[in-house]
Amino acid sequence: MPLPKRRHSKARGRKRRTHWKLATPSLAVCPQCREAKMPHRICPHCGYYHGREVLTVEGA
């Protein structure tokens, strides 16, 4: 198995790792209550998915 002949500097490793960042989650607008929700998921605010009630949400 090949091994590196010389040690890589900290800067070289850190340059490679600069692209390891988290992406912000995409959000969609719920057609029922107009709140932001994750796409293809039940709306946590109203409990609707694809035009029908899937979950009963207790009102605040």
N, C-alpha and C. Protein backbone atom coordinates (compact mmCIF):
# COMPACT_ATOMS: atom_id res chain seq x y z
N MET A 1 0.84 -1.18 0.00
CA MET A 1 0.00 0.00 0.00
C MET A 1 0.89 1.25 0.00
N PRO A 2 0.62 2.20 -0.89
CA PRO A 2 1.49 3.37 -0.97
C PRO A 2 1.34 4.29 0.24
N LEU A 3 2.46 4.82 0.67
CA LEU A 3 2.46 5.76 1.78
C LEU A 3 3.11 7.05 1.32
N PRO A 4 2.71 8.19 1.91
CA PRO A 4 3.35 9.45 1.51
C PRO A 4 4.81 9.49 1.98
N LYS A 5 5.68 9.98 1.11
CA LYS A 5 7.10 10.06 1.47
C LYS A 5 7.36 11.18 2.46
N ARG A 6 6.59 12.29 2.33
CA ARG A 6 6.79 13.43 3.22
C ARG A 6 5.46 13.84 3.83
N ARG A 7 5.55 14.51 4.94
CA ARG A 7 4.37 14.97 5.65
C ARG A 7 3.74 16.14 4.90
N HIS A 8 2.41 16.14 4.80
CA HIS A 8 1.72 17.26 4.19
C HIS A 8 1.56 18.35 5.23
N SER A 9 1.67 19.59 4.80
CA SER A 9 1.53 20.72 5.73
C SER A 9 0.08 20.87 6.17
N LYS A 10 -0.13 21.60 7.27
CA LYS A 10 -1.48 21.86 7.78
C LYS A 10 -2.28 22.64 6.75
N ALA A 11 -1.63 23.58 6.08
CA ALA A 11 -2.32 24.41 5.10
C ALA A 11 -2.83 23.57 3.92
N ARG A 12 -2.04 22.60 3.53
CA ARG A 12 -2.44 21.78 2.39
C ARG A 12 -3.69 20.95 2.71
N GLY A 13 -3.71 20.38 3.91
CA GLY A 13 -4.89 19.60 4.33
C GLY A 13 -6.10 20.49 4.52
N ARG A 14 -5.90 21.67 5.07
CA ARG A 14 -7.01 22.60 5.32
C ARG A 14 -7.58 23.16 4.02
N LYS A 15 -6.72 23.35 3.02
CA LYS A 15 -7.20 23.80 1.71
C LYS A 15 -8.14 22.78 1.10
N ARG A 16 -7.81 21.53 1.28
CA ARG A 16 -8.65 20.47 0.74
C ARG A 16 -9.99 20.41 1.48
N ARG A 17 -9.96 20.68 2.78
CA ARG A 17 -11.17 20.58 3.60
C ARG A 17 -12.08 21.80 3.55
N THR A 18 -11.72 22.84 2.81
CA THR A 18 -12.55 24.05 2.79
C THR A 18 -13.92 23.79 2.19
N HIS A 19 -14.06 22.76 1.39
CA HIS A 19 -15.34 22.49 0.74
C HIS A 19 -16.22 21.54 1.53
N TRP A 20 -15.82 21.17 2.75
CA TRP A 20 -16.62 20.28 3.58
C TRP A 20 -17.59 21.10 4.40
N LYS A 21 -18.49 21.83 3.80
CA LYS A 21 -19.39 22.66 4.59
C LYS A 21 -20.82 22.19 4.43
N LEU A 22 -21.63 22.49 5.42
CA LEU A 22 -23.04 22.10 5.40
C LEU A 22 -23.82 23.01 4.48
N ALA A 23 -24.78 22.44 3.79
CA ALA A 23 -25.68 23.22 2.95
C ALA A 23 -26.93 23.56 3.75
N THR A 24 -27.48 24.75 3.52
CA THR A 24 -28.71 25.11 4.22
C THR A 24 -29.85 24.28 3.64
N PRO A 25 -30.77 23.81 4.49
CA PRO A 25 -31.86 22.99 3.98
C PRO A 25 -32.80 23.80 3.10
N SER A 26 -33.27 23.20 2.01
CA SER A 26 -34.19 23.91 1.13
C SER A 26 -35.57 23.92 1.78
N LEU A 27 -36.30 25.00 1.58
CA LEU A 27 -37.63 25.15 2.18
C LEU A 27 -38.65 25.41 1.09
N ALA A 28 -39.85 24.90 1.31
CA ALA A 28 -40.96 25.14 0.40
C ALA A 28 -42.07 25.80 1.21
N VAL A 29 -43.02 26.41 0.51
CA VAL A 29 -44.14 27.07 1.18
C VAL A 29 -45.31 26.09 1.21
N CYS A 30 -45.91 25.91 2.38
CA CYS A 30 -47.07 25.04 2.52
C CYS A 30 -48.27 25.71 1.84
N PRO A 31 -48.97 25.02 0.94
CA PRO A 31 -50.12 25.64 0.28
C PRO A 31 -51.31 25.86 1.20
N GLN A 32 -51.40 25.12 2.31
CA GLN A 32 -52.52 25.27 3.25
C GLN A 32 -52.34 26.50 4.13
N CYS A 33 -51.21 26.56 4.85
CA CYS A 33 -51.03 27.61 5.88
C CYS A 33 -49.98 28.65 5.52
N ARG A 34 -49.31 28.49 4.37
CA ARG A 34 -48.28 29.43 3.90
C ARG A 34 -47.06 29.53 4.81
N GLU A 35 -46.82 28.51 5.62
CA GLU A 35 -45.62 28.48 6.47
C GLU A 35 -44.50 27.75 5.71
N ALA A 36 -43.27 28.01 6.10
CA ALA A 36 -42.13 27.34 5.47
C ALA A 36 -42.02 25.92 6.03
N LYS A 37 -41.79 24.96 5.13
CA LYS A 37 -41.61 23.57 5.52
C LYS A 37 -40.61 22.92 4.58
N MET A 38 -40.10 21.77 4.96
CA MET A 38 -39.19 21.04 4.09
C MET A 38 -40.01 20.37 2.99
N PRO A 39 -39.51 20.34 1.75
CA PRO A 39 -40.27 19.74 0.67
C PRO A 39 -40.49 18.24 0.87
N HIS A 40 -41.62 17.74 0.39
CA HIS A 40 -42.00 16.32 0.46
C HIS A 40 -42.14 15.82 1.88
N ARG A 41 -42.55 16.69 2.79
CA ARG A 41 -42.77 16.32 4.18
C ARG A 41 -44.10 16.89 4.65
N ILE A 42 -44.66 16.30 5.70
CA ILE A 42 -45.90 16.82 6.29
C ILE A 42 -45.58 18.17 6.92
N CYS A 43 -46.48 19.14 6.77
CA CYS A 43 -46.28 20.46 7.36
C CYS A 43 -46.41 20.33 8.88
N PRO A 44 -45.39 20.75 9.65
CA PRO A 44 -45.48 20.64 11.10
C PRO A 44 -46.45 21.64 11.72
N HIS A 45 -46.86 22.67 10.96
CA HIS A 45 -47.75 23.70 11.50
C HIS A 45 -49.22 23.33 11.35
N CYS A 46 -49.60 22.77 10.20
CA CYS A 46 -51.02 22.45 9.99
C CYS A 46 -51.30 20.96 9.84
N GLY A 47 -50.27 20.14 9.57
CA GLY A 47 -50.46 18.70 9.47
C GLY A 47 -50.94 18.22 8.11
N TYR A 48 -50.89 19.07 7.10
CA TYR A 48 -51.36 18.69 5.77
C TYR A 48 -50.20 18.25 4.90
N TYR A 49 -50.50 17.31 3.99
CA TYR A 49 -49.53 16.91 2.97
C TYR A 49 -50.30 16.61 1.70
N HIS A 50 -49.94 17.25 0.65
CA HIS A 50 -50.53 17.04 -0.68
C HIS A 50 -52.04 17.27 -0.68
N GLY A 51 -52.48 18.29 0.06
CA GLY A 51 -53.88 18.70 0.04
C GLY A 51 -54.80 17.95 0.97
N ARG A 52 -54.28 17.02 1.76
CA ARG A 52 -55.16 16.33 2.72
C ARG A 52 -54.50 16.28 4.09
N GLU A 53 -55.34 16.22 5.12
CA GLU A 53 -54.83 16.22 6.49
C GLU A 53 -54.31 14.82 6.83
N VAL A 54 -53.05 14.78 7.23
CA VAL A 54 -52.40 13.52 7.55
C VAL A 54 -52.18 13.42 9.06
N LEU A 55 -51.98 14.57 9.68
CA LEU A 55 -51.62 14.64 11.09
C LEU A 55 -52.51 15.65 11.77
N THR A 56 -53.02 15.36 12.95
CA THR A 56 -53.80 16.34 13.69
C THR A 56 -52.84 17.12 14.59
N VAL A 57 -52.79 18.43 14.38
CA VAL A 57 -51.87 19.27 15.14
C VAL A 57 -52.68 20.05 16.16
N GLU A 58 -52.21 20.02 17.40
CA GLU A 58 -52.87 20.77 18.48
C GLU A 58 -52.62 22.26 18.26
N GLY A 59 -53.67 23.08 18.25
CA GLY A 59 -53.53 24.52 18.04
C GLY A 59 -52.95 25.22 19.26
N ALA A 60 -52.20 26.28 19.03
CA ALA A 60 -51.58 27.00 20.14
C ALA A 60 -52.54 28.02 20.73
